[in-house]
């Protein structure tokens, strides 16, 4: 698998950005590119009462504003989602109540706490019928979830495991629905993205052991921003699941044989993601949309569904669902969910960012500054809105050790140009400049000929630049010499 990014993003933009910070960056970048004012905050509750999920909100709380309105965001969720809706979505038990009330199909099940008599739990489970799944009422990321429990003995073992290994106190047992696991992202009354998730797996090549195949697959997962920190880890879950299949890590599967390593499809536990947005039927889309509508105050969410020949069943609703799953699928087309989110909050800006997709800001540097607590709010320079025109100039002559790069930076900033300059190992200086004003970029070549007092420019070669450019103008270090 090759390293790939959709055309509105790049590896440089996401350097050092991981996990849920990616979601924040994608939404903030989309809005900023449309000319909206962007501010990041280090103190979440000093500016908004948006419900938090998890810890460390730094860099995940931001606002986007136009001349007429302002919206706050936490990760990918905006302030049009009510906190009560977040609370309901965080509770699988409450979610089921609202779904059933609205006539939206959901799996049969019941909730219980650790204190409940175990035999009562077992008997209630048997009445539902096997196979079953047990999961924490307020869990996330697939932690504490045991699927496809097919007997009373397995149920007892599963309960013993989740009670002893996890700190959760409240659980749900429900019918395990067999079918394709799909996450549908909904904004307003539209299903804007769909990703099929499959459990962690490897495909045999007739040469490598299962353990070696896991290592090889992890190397490919490292190339994807969404899975680079969500590798397949050989743990007790994998060993137990393989044992049930009478498999060992040292086995060498035949070529083309798919070996599943876990029963659950969660990407955080090593699952695969496949974009199926264009394949989704209207019936499935409408079921997902109706599920979101069933929760009061919810108009933006990820809906987990199981699809089989009998129909569609809602498993969970996540009001703070990650969008990088859809933006960086392991297989299939990338979906720009951030674009759809900004369309929902700022419909008057729809389509603007498409021409501004070559400009970006240094989110990693922003995170470092916010985490230092040296600032409480960081407002970014507004993005140049429109199609970016850029050129790369390679300057020859007496241009190093004469203050040329510092001089170039001063000239570029004075003219509102964005880009960078760097010394080359052959004694030349390169400068990349971009702007929405084509004439401003072209005129910079003549400026370069002037140079500082001690410089002597003998020649300037120019090239068109079609890569993304970071906002502002920086002096970069010389590239390291390549090893021979």
Protein backbone atom coordinates (compact mmCIF):
# COMPACT_ATOMS: atom_id res chain seq x y z
CA UNK A 1 0.00 0.00 0.00
CA UNK A 2 1.39 3.39 -1.01
CA UNK A 3 1.26 6.54 1.07
CA UNK A 4 -1.65 8.55 -0.30
CA UNK A 5 -3.44 11.76 0.61
CA UNK A 6 -6.52 13.31 -1.01
CA UNK A 7 -5.72 16.27 -3.26
CA UNK A 8 -6.86 18.85 -0.69
CA UNK A 9 -4.38 17.55 1.92
CA UNK A 10 -0.73 16.51 2.12
CA UNK A 11 1.71 14.67 4.35
CA UNK A 12 3.37 17.95 5.31
CA UNK A 13 0.09 19.39 6.60
CA UNK A 14 -0.48 16.45 8.93
CA UNK A 15 3.08 16.04 10.13
CA UNK A 16 2.98 15.40 13.87
CA UNK A 17 -0.84 15.47 13.99
CA UNK A 18 -2.40 12.31 15.38
CA UNK A 19 -5.67 10.66 16.31
CA UNK A 20 -8.54 12.99 17.27
CA UNK A 21 -6.50 16.13 16.59
CA UNK A 22 -6.78 15.19 12.92
CA UNK A 23 -10.55 15.70 13.10
CA UNK A 24 -10.14 19.17 14.59
CA UNK A 25 -7.55 20.12 12.01
CA UNK A 26 -9.67 18.98 9.06
CA UNK A 27 -12.72 21.00 10.11
CA UNK A 28 -10.71 24.07 11.13
CA UNK A 29 -8.70 24.00 7.88
CA UNK A 30 -11.82 23.75 5.72
CA UNK A 31 -13.49 26.71 7.41
CA UNK A 32 -10.31 28.81 7.43
CA UNK A 33 -9.76 28.20 3.71
CA UNK A 34 -13.21 29.68 3.09
CA UNK A 35 -12.17 32.99 4.58
CA UNK A 36 -13.68 32.36 8.01
CA UNK A 37 -11.78 33.70 11.02
CA UNK A 38 -10.20 30.85 13.00
CA UNK A 39 -9.23 30.93 16.68
CA UNK A 40 -7.90 28.04 18.78
CA UNK A 41 -8.28 27.98 22.57
CA UNK A 42 -6.25 26.38 25.34
CA UNK A 43 -8.96 26.75 28.02
CA UNK A 44 -12.08 24.99 26.75
CA UNK A 45 -14.67 26.00 29.36
CA UNK A 46 -13.62 29.64 29.38
CA UNK A 47 -15.10 30.05 25.90
CA UNK A 48 -17.74 27.34 25.44
CA UNK A 49 -19.85 24.81 27.31
CA UNK A 50 -19.58 22.17 24.58
CA UNK A 51 -19.59 18.72 26.15
CA UNK A 52 -16.14 17.14 26.25
CA UNK A 53 -15.44 13.52 25.37
CA UNK A 54 -12.24 12.08 26.80
CA UNK A 55 -9.33 14.17 28.03
CA UNK A 56 -6.93 16.84 26.82
CA UNK A 57 -9.08 19.22 24.75
CA UNK A 58 -6.08 21.38 23.84
CA UNK A 59 -6.04 22.06 20.13
CA UNK A 60 -9.44 20.44 19.71
CA UNK A 61 -11.45 23.51 20.78
CA UNK A 62 -11.75 26.29 18.22
CA UNK A 63 -14.14 28.79 16.71
CA UNK A 64 -14.94 29.82 13.16
CA UNK A 65 -16.65 33.10 12.46
CA UNK A 66 -17.88 35.25 9.61
CA UNK A 67 -19.07 38.84 9.74
CA UNK A 68 -22.53 37.69 10.82
CA UNK A 69 -22.08 34.61 13.01
CA UNK A 70 -19.70 32.52 15.09
CA UNK A 71 -19.66 28.81 15.87
CA UNK A 72 -17.59 26.86 18.39
CA UNK A 73 -16.30 23.37 17.71
CA UNK A 74 -14.87 20.53 19.74
CA UNK A 75 -13.08 18.09 17.45
CA UNK A 76 -15.52 17.70 14.55
CA UNK A 77 -18.67 18.51 16.56
CA UNK A 78 -20.07 22.01 16.44
CA UNK A 79 -22.32 23.97 18.77
CA UNK A 80 -25.48 23.15 16.84
CA UNK A 81 -25.37 19.76 18.59
CA UNK A 82 -27.01 20.00 22.02
CA UNK A 83 -25.10 18.74 25.05
CA UNK A 84 -28.12 16.63 26.00
CA UNK A 85 -27.83 14.89 22.64
CA UNK A 86 -24.17 14.13 23.37
CA UNK A 87 -25.17 12.63 26.73
CA UNK A 88 -27.79 10.44 25.09
CA UNK A 89 -25.38 9.27 22.40
CA UNK A 90 -22.77 8.45 25.06
CA UNK A 91 -25.21 6.05 26.71
CA UNK A 92 -26.01 3.02 24.61
CA UNK A 93 -28.99 2.32 26.86
CA UNK A 94 -30.53 5.79 26.40
CA UNK A 95 -29.84 5.67 22.68
CA UNK A 96 -31.85 2.46 22.37
CA UNK A 97 -34.81 4.05 24.15
CA UNK A 98 -34.96 6.98 21.73
CA UNK A 99 -34.44 4.79 18.67
CA UNK A 100 -37.24 2.42 19.67
CA UNK A 101 -39.52 5.35 20.43
CA UNK A 102 -38.93 6.69 16.91
CA UNK A 103 -39.43 3.29 15.30
CA UNK A 104 -35.82 3.04 14.16
CA UNK A 105 -34.55 -0.57 14.11
CA UNK A 106 -32.06 -1.43 16.83
CA UNK A 107 -30.81 -4.66 18.36
CA UNK A 108 -32.65 -6.36 21.22
CA UNK A 109 -30.88 -6.19 24.56
CA UNK A 110 -30.81 -5.06 28.18
CA UNK A 111 -28.53 -3.16 30.53
CA UNK A 112 -27.15 -4.24 33.89
CA UNK A 113 -24.49 -3.36 36.44
CA UNK A 114 -21.77 -5.45 38.01
CA UNK A 115 -23.81 -5.62 41.19
CA UNK A 116 -26.69 -7.43 39.50
CA UNK A 117 -26.99 -11.14 40.26
CA UNK A 118 -24.96 -13.01 37.64
CA UNK A 119 -27.52 -15.80 37.24
CA UNK A 120 -30.24 -13.24 36.49
CA UNK A 121 -28.00 -11.76 33.81
CA UNK A 122 -27.35 -15.20 32.33
CA UNK A 123 -31.03 -16.14 32.23
CA UNK A 124 -32.05 -12.80 30.70
CA UNK A 125 -29.36 -13.28 28.07
CA UNK A 126 -30.54 -16.79 27.20
CA UNK A 127 -34.05 -15.42 26.62
CA UNK A 128 -32.64 -13.06 23.95
CA UNK A 129 -30.88 -15.96 22.27
CA UNK A 130 -27.35 -16.55 21.03
CA UNK A 131 -25.17 -15.20 19.52
CA UNK A 132 -24.75 -12.23 21.86
CA UNK A 133 -22.48 -9.24 22.35
CA UNK A 134 -21.50 -7.64 25.66
CA UNK A 135 -20.24 -4.06 25.82
CA UNK A 136 -19.89 -1.24 28.35
CA UNK A 137 -22.80 1.20 28.46
CA UNK A 138 -20.51 4.22 28.25
CA UNK A 139 -17.56 2.69 26.41
CA UNK A 140 -15.80 3.77 23.24
CA UNK A 141 -13.09 2.66 20.79
CA UNK A 142 -14.23 -0.95 21.08
CA UNK A 143 -12.81 -1.37 24.59
CA UNK A 144 -14.54 -4.04 26.66
CA UNK A 145 -16.61 -5.30 23.73
CA UNK A 146 -16.97 -9.07 23.23
CA UNK A 147 -18.83 -10.19 20.12
CA UNK A 148 -20.35 -13.38 18.76
CA UNK A 149 -20.82 -15.08 22.13
CA UNK A 150 -22.40 -18.36 21.06
CA UNK A 151 -22.99 -20.33 24.28
CA UNK A 152 -23.67 -20.00 27.99
CA UNK A 153 -20.11 -21.07 28.83
CA UNK A 154 -18.67 -18.42 26.50
CA UNK A 155 -21.00 -15.84 28.02
CA UNK A 156 -19.79 -16.63 31.54
CA UNK A 157 -16.16 -16.45 30.40
CA UNK A 158 -16.80 -13.16 28.60
CA UNK A 159 -18.47 -11.56 31.60
CA UNK A 160 -15.68 -12.72 33.88
CA UNK A 161 -13.16 -11.18 31.48
CA UNK A 162 -14.80 -7.75 31.13
CA UNK A 163 -15.52 -7.54 34.87
CA UNK A 164 -11.91 -8.28 35.81
CA UNK A 165 -10.02 -6.48 33.03
CA UNK A 166 -11.97 -3.21 32.74
CA UNK A 167 -13.13 -0.58 35.21
CA UNK A 168 -16.59 -0.21 33.68
CA UNK A 169 -19.51 -0.80 36.04
CA UNK A 170 -22.45 -0.75 33.62
CA UNK A 171 -22.90 -3.02 30.63
CA UNK A 172 -25.30 -3.97 27.86
CA UNK A 173 -25.96 -7.42 26.49
CA UNK A 174 -27.70 -7.55 23.14
CA UNK A 175 -28.30 -9.81 20.20
CA UNK A 176 -25.23 -10.07 18.00
CA UNK A 177 -26.36 -9.12 14.50
CA UNK A 178 -24.32 -10.74 11.76
CA UNK A 179 -23.69 -8.58 8.72
CA UNK A 180 -21.56 -5.76 7.36
CA UNK A 181 -20.48 -3.14 9.89
CA UNK A 182 -20.88 0.35 8.39
CA UNK A 183 -20.30 3.80 9.88
CA UNK A 184 -22.51 6.42 8.21
CA UNK A 185 -21.79 10.09 8.82
CA UNK A 186 -24.85 12.35 8.87
CA UNK A 187 -25.04 16.15 8.81
CA UNK A 188 -28.52 17.66 8.95
CA UNK A 189 -30.73 15.56 6.73
CA UNK A 190 -27.94 14.14 4.57
CA UNK A 191 -25.80 11.01 4.78
CA UNK A 192 -22.49 12.39 3.53
CA UNK A 193 -20.10 9.47 4.00
CA UNK A 194 -20.09 5.73 4.64
CA UNK A 195 -17.25 3.44 5.61
CA UNK A 196 -17.43 -0.32 5.94
CA UNK A 197 -15.32 -1.68 8.77
CA UNK A 198 -13.91 -5.18 8.92
CA UNK A 199 -12.14 -6.82 11.87
CA UNK A 200 -8.35 -6.88 12.03
CA UNK A 201 -7.12 -9.41 9.49
CA UNK A 202 -4.21 -10.53 7.35
CA UNK A 203 -4.12 -12.26 3.98
CA UNK A 204 -1.85 -15.25 3.54
CA UNK A 205 0.88 -15.33 0.90
CA UNK A 206 2.05 -18.90 1.43
CA UNK A 207 5.40 -17.67 2.75
CA UNK A 208 5.02 -15.59 5.89
CA UNK A 209 3.66 -16.61 9.27
CA UNK A 210 0.60 -14.90 10.71
CA UNK A 211 2.83 -12.95 13.07
CA UNK A 212 5.00 -11.78 10.17
CA UNK A 213 1.92 -10.86 8.13
CA UNK A 214 0.74 -8.70 11.03
CA UNK A 215 4.07 -6.88 11.04
CA UNK A 216 3.86 -6.33 7.27
CA UNK A 217 0.32 -5.02 7.49
CA UNK A 218 1.27 -2.66 10.29
CA UNK A 219 3.94 -1.18 8.04
CA UNK A 220 1.23 -0.26 5.54
CA UNK A 221 -1.04 1.07 8.30
CA UNK A 222 1.75 3.43 9.37
CA UNK A 223 1.46 5.15 5.98
CA UNK A 224 -2.14 6.17 6.65
CA UNK A 225 -2.68 9.14 9.04
CA UNK A 226 -5.83 7.56 10.42
CA UNK A 227 -4.33 4.15 11.19
CA UNK A 228 -0.70 5.09 11.88
CA UNK A 229 -1.38 5.05 15.63
CA UNK A 230 -3.95 2.26 15.42
CA UNK A 231 -1.80 -0.73 14.65
CA UNK A 232 -2.69 -4.38 15.08
CA UNK A 233 -1.39 -5.40 18.49
CA UNK A 234 -0.98 -9.05 19.35
CA UNK A 235 -2.79 -9.26 22.69
CA UNK A 236 -4.89 -11.76 24.62
CA UNK A 237 -7.94 -10.91 22.50
CA UNK A 238 -6.12 -11.91 19.32
CA UNK A 239 -4.60 -15.02 20.87
CA UNK A 240 -7.98 -16.15 22.22
CA UNK A 241 -9.74 -15.45 18.93
CA UNK A 242 -7.10 -17.37 17.00
CA UNK A 243 -7.27 -20.22 19.49
CA UNK A 244 -11.00 -20.55 18.79
CA UNK A 245 -10.06 -21.02 15.12
CA UNK A 246 -7.32 -23.50 16.10
CA UNK A 247 -4.68 -21.15 14.71
CA UNK A 248 -1.27 -20.08 15.99
CA UNK A 249 0.89 -17.05 15.22
CA UNK A 250 3.52 -19.35 13.72
CA UNK A 251 1.09 -20.80 11.14
CA UNK A 252 1.70 -19.96 7.47
CA UNK A 253 -1.65 -19.34 5.72
CA UNK A 254 -2.06 -20.33 2.10
CA UNK A 255 -1.92 -17.59 -0.51
CA UNK A 256 -5.15 -15.60 -0.63
CA UNK A 257 -6.52 -16.99 2.65
CA UNK A 258 -7.93 -14.25 4.88
CA UNK A 259 -7.27 -14.78 8.58
CA UNK A 260 -9.43 -12.73 10.92
CA UNK A 261 -7.70 -11.78 14.16
CA UNK A 262 -10.61 -10.28 16.10
CA UNK A 263 -14.37 -10.46 16.15
CA UNK A 264 -15.04 -6.72 16.37
CA UNK A 265 -14.57 -4.28 13.51
CA UNK A 266 -13.28 -1.27 15.42
CA UNK A 267 -10.52 0.59 13.57
CA UNK A 268 -8.82 1.43 16.88
CA UNK A 269 -8.22 -2.26 17.45
CA UNK A 270 -6.69 -2.83 14.02
CA UNK A 271 -9.74 -3.09 11.78
CA UNK A 272 -9.82 -2.12 8.10
CA UNK A 273 -11.82 0.75 6.60
CA UNK A 274 -13.38 0.66 3.13
CA UNK A 275 -15.26 3.60 1.65
CA UNK A 276 -18.75 2.57 0.47
CA UNK A 277 -20.37 6.00 0.18
CA UNK A 278 -21.41 5.55 -3.44
CA UNK A 279 -22.65 2.01 -2.84
CA UNK A 280 -25.01 2.92 -0.02
CA UNK A 281 -28.70 2.46 -0.83
CA UNK A 282 -31.26 5.18 -0.14
CA UNK A 283 -32.93 2.90 2.41
CA UNK A 284 -29.74 2.60 4.45
CA UNK A 285 -29.08 6.35 4.18
CA UNK A 286 -32.60 7.15 5.35
CA UNK A 287 -32.31 4.75 8.29
CA UNK A 288 -29.12 6.51 9.41
CA UNK A 289 -30.71 9.94 8.98
CA UNK A 290 -33.80 8.88 10.94
CA UNK A 291 -31.58 7.54 13.71
CA UNK A 292 -29.95 10.96 14.11
CA UNK A 293 -33.33 12.69 14.01
CA UNK A 294 -34.54 10.38 16.79
CA UNK A 295 -32.18 12.08 19.26
CA UNK A 296 -33.42 15.58 20.24
CA UNK A 297 -30.84 18.27 19.48
CA UNK A 298 -28.68 15.98 17.36
CA UNK A 299 -28.03 16.96 13.76
CA UNK A 300 -24.47 15.80 13.20
CA UNK A 301 -23.23 12.31 14.10
CA UNK A 302 -21.69 9.02 13.09
CA UNK A 303 -24.19 6.15 12.98
CA UNK A 304 -22.97 2.57 13.38
CA UNK A 305 -25.17 0.11 11.54
CA UNK A 306 -25.20 -3.56 10.64
CA UNK A 307 -26.47 -4.39 7.17
CA UNK A 308 -27.55 -7.88 6.11
CA UNK A 309 -30.12 -9.52 3.86
CA UNK A 310 -32.86 -8.84 6.42
CA UNK A 311 -32.27 -5.10 6.52
CA UNK A 312 -30.48 -2.49 8.60
CA UNK A 313 -30.05 -2.33 12.38
CA UNK A 314 -28.65 0.63 14.32
CA UNK A 315 -25.97 -0.38 16.81
CA UNK A 316 -24.72 2.95 18.16
CA UNK A 317 -24.76 6.71 17.54
CA UNK A 318 -21.65 8.80 18.15
CA UNK A 319 -22.23 12.56 18.45
CA UNK A 320 -18.47 13.21 18.39
CA UNK A 321 -17.61 10.75 15.67
CA UNK A 322 -14.20 10.91 14.06
CA UNK A 323 -14.15 12.01 10.43
CA UNK A 324 -10.63 10.88 9.56
CA UNK A 325 -12.10 7.40 9.13
CA UNK A 326 -13.87 8.68 6.01
CA UNK A 327 -11.09 11.02 4.89
CA UNK A 328 -8.36 8.37 5.04
CA UNK A 329 -9.96 4.98 4.31
CA UNK A 330 -7.51 2.15 3.83
CA UNK A 331 -9.38 1.28 0.65
CA UNK A 332 -11.62 3.32 -1.63
CA UNK A 333 -12.29 7.00 -2.23
CA UNK A 334 -11.55 9.69 0.36
CA UNK A 335 -14.60 11.65 1.51
CA UNK A 336 -14.28 15.31 2.51
CA UNK A 337 -16.58 15.20 5.53
CA UNK A 338 -15.11 18.45 6.88
CA UNK A 339 -16.44 20.17 3.77
CA UNK A 340 -19.95 18.88 4.50
CA UNK A 341 -19.72 19.99 8.14
CA UNK A 342 -18.76 23.55 7.17
CA UNK A 343 -21.51 23.53 4.52
CA UNK A 344 -23.93 22.76 7.35
CA UNK A 345 -22.70 25.52 9.69
CA UNK A 346 -21.81 28.14 7.07
CA UNK A 347 -23.88 27.31 3.96
CA UNK A 348 -23.18 30.74 2.49
CA UNK A 349 -19.50 29.75 2.03
CA UNK A 350 -20.20 26.54 0.13
CA UNK A 351 -17.65 25.85 -2.61
CA UNK A 352 -15.19 28.59 -1.65
CA UNK A 353 -12.47 26.33 -0.22
CA UNK A 354 -12.20 24.31 -3.43
CA UNK A 355 -10.04 27.06 -4.96
CA UNK A 356 -8.09 27.62 -1.74
CA UNK A 357 -6.95 24.02 -1.23
CA UNK A 358 -3.27 24.87 -1.81
CA UNK A 359 -2.89 26.91 1.38
CA UNK A 360 -2.59 25.56 4.93
CA UNK A 361 -1.47 26.51 8.43
CA UNK A 362 1.04 24.86 10.77
CA UNK A 363 -1.26 23.00 13.16
CA UNK A 364 1.61 21.20 14.89
CA UNK A 365 3.18 24.53 15.88
CA UNK A 366 -0.21 25.74 17.12
CA UNK A 367 -0.59 22.63 19.29
CA UNK A 368 2.83 23.14 20.83
CA UNK A 369 2.04 26.77 21.64
CA UNK A 370 -1.36 25.96 23.15
CA UNK A 371 0.04 23.11 25.23
CA UNK A 372 2.68 25.42 26.66
CA UNK A 373 -0.21 27.46 28.13
CA UNK A 374 1.60 30.63 27.07
CA UNK A 375 -1.55 31.76 25.26
CA UNK A 376 -5.24 31.21 25.97
CA UNK A 377 -6.43 32.08 22.48
CA UNK A 378 -4.61 32.01 19.17
CA UNK A 379 -6.24 33.75 16.21
CA UNK A 380 -4.78 32.84 12.85
CA UNK A 381 -4.02 35.17 9.99
CA UNK A 382 -6.89 34.92 7.53
CA UNK A 383 -6.29 32.68 4.54
CA UNK A 384 -5.99 34.17 1.05
CA UNK A 385 -9.27 33.12 -0.55
CA UNK A 386 -9.18 32.09 -4.18
CA UNK A 387 -6.93 30.14 -6.51
CA UNK A 388 -3.32 30.27 -5.36
CA UNK A 389 -0.69 31.01 -8.00
CA UNK A 390 2.87 30.08 -7.07
CA UNK A 391 6.37 29.95 -8.50
CA UNK A 392 9.73 28.58 -7.46
CA UNK A 393 12.75 30.78 -8.17
CA UNK A 394 16.30 29.38 -8.06
CA UNK A 395 18.78 32.23 -7.61
CA UNK A 396 22.45 31.95 -8.67
CA UNK A 397 25.44 34.15 -7.91
CA UNK A 398 26.88 35.46 -4.68
CA UNK A 399 23.74 34.70 -2.70
CA UNK A 400 24.80 32.73 0.37
CA UNK A 401 26.28 34.17 3.57
CA UNK A 402 25.18 37.66 2.53
CA UNK A 403 21.83 37.83 4.36
CA UNK A 404 19.90 36.97 1.20
CA UNK A 405 17.28 34.72 2.80
CA UNK A 406 16.49 37.21 5.55
CA UNK A 407 16.17 39.91 2.90
CA UNK A 408 13.86 37.69 0.81
CA UNK A 409 11.67 37.05 3.83
CA UNK A 410 11.31 40.78 4.49
CA UNK A 411 10.39 41.46 0.86
CA UNK A 412 7.88 38.61 0.68
CA UNK A 413 6.12 39.56 3.91
CA UNK A 414 5.89 43.19 2.81
CA UNK A 415 4.09 42.08 -0.36
CA UNK A 416 1.75 39.61 1.34
CA UNK A 417 3.39 36.59 -0.28
CA UNK A 418 3.44 33.14 1.31
CA UNK A 419 6.13 30.49 0.98
CA UNK A 420 9.71 29.86 2.03
CA UNK A 421 13.37 30.24 1.14
CA UNK A 422 16.30 27.89 1.62
CA UNK A 423 20.00 27.62 0.80
CA UNK A 424 20.92 24.85 -1.63
CA UNK A 425 24.07 22.76 -1.39
CA UNK A 426 25.24 23.98 -4.81
CA UNK A 427 25.57 27.54 -3.50
CA UNK A 428 22.25 28.76 -4.86
CA UNK A 429 19.17 30.01 -3.01
CA UNK A 430 15.66 28.79 -3.72
CA UNK A 431 12.53 30.77 -2.94
CA UNK A 432 8.90 29.67 -3.32
CA UNK A 433 6.22 32.37 -3.29
CA UNK A 434 2.46 32.14 -3.71
CA UNK A 435 -0.52 34.48 -3.75
CA UNK A 436 -3.96 34.80 -5.28
CA UNK A 437 -2.54 37.78 -7.20
CA UNK A 438 -0.62 36.33 -10.15
CA UNK A 439 1.06 39.64 -10.97
CA UNK A 440 2.40 39.91 -7.42
CA UNK A 441 4.09 36.51 -7.75
CA UNK A 442 5.57 37.25 -11.18
CA UNK A 443 6.88 40.63 -10.04
CA UNK A 444 8.87 38.99 -7.25
CA UNK A 445 11.42 37.71 -9.76
CA UNK A 446 12.58 41.26 -10.45
CA UNK A 447 12.69 41.92 -6.71
CA UNK A 448 15.02 38.92 -6.31
CA UNK A 449 17.46 40.44 -8.81
CA UNK A 450 17.90 43.44 -6.53
CA UNK A 451 18.98 41.47 -3.46
CA UNK A 452 20.72 42.85 -0.37
CA UNK A 453 23.75 45.15 -0.73
CA UNK A 454 26.41 42.42 -0.50
CA UNK A 455 24.68 40.04 -2.92
CA UNK A 456 25.38 39.65 -6.62
CA UNK A 457 22.65 37.84 -8.58
CA UNK A 458 23.81 36.38 -11.89
CA UNK A 459 20.77 34.33 -12.90
CA UNK A 460 17.28 33.33 -11.79
CA UNK A 461 15.52 30.24 -13.05
CA UNK A 462 11.76 30.08 -12.56
CA UNK A 463 9.37 27.13 -12.31
CA UNK A 464 5.66 26.78 -11.67
CA UNK A 465 4.85 25.45 -8.20
CA UNK A 466 1.79 23.21 -7.86
CA UNK A 467 2.28 21.96 -4.30
CA UNK A 468 0.61 23.28 -1.14
CA UNK A 469 2.03 26.32 0.62
CA UNK A 470 2.02 27.10 4.33
CA UNK A 471 0.62 30.47 5.39
CA UNK A 472 3.30 33.07 6.09
CA UNK A 473 6.89 33.07 4.90
CA UNK A 474 9.68 31.08 6.56
CA UNK A 475 13.40 30.54 6.27
CA UNK A 476 14.12 26.83 6.10
CA UNK A 477 17.29 24.93 6.85
CA UNK A 478 19.33 23.36 4.09
CA UNK A 479 18.22 19.84 3.20
CA UNK A 480 20.37 17.04 4.57
CA UNK A 481 22.74 15.42 2.11
CA UNK A 482 21.48 12.13 0.71
CA UNK A 483 23.42 9.04 1.72
CA UNK A 484 25.32 7.46 -1.14
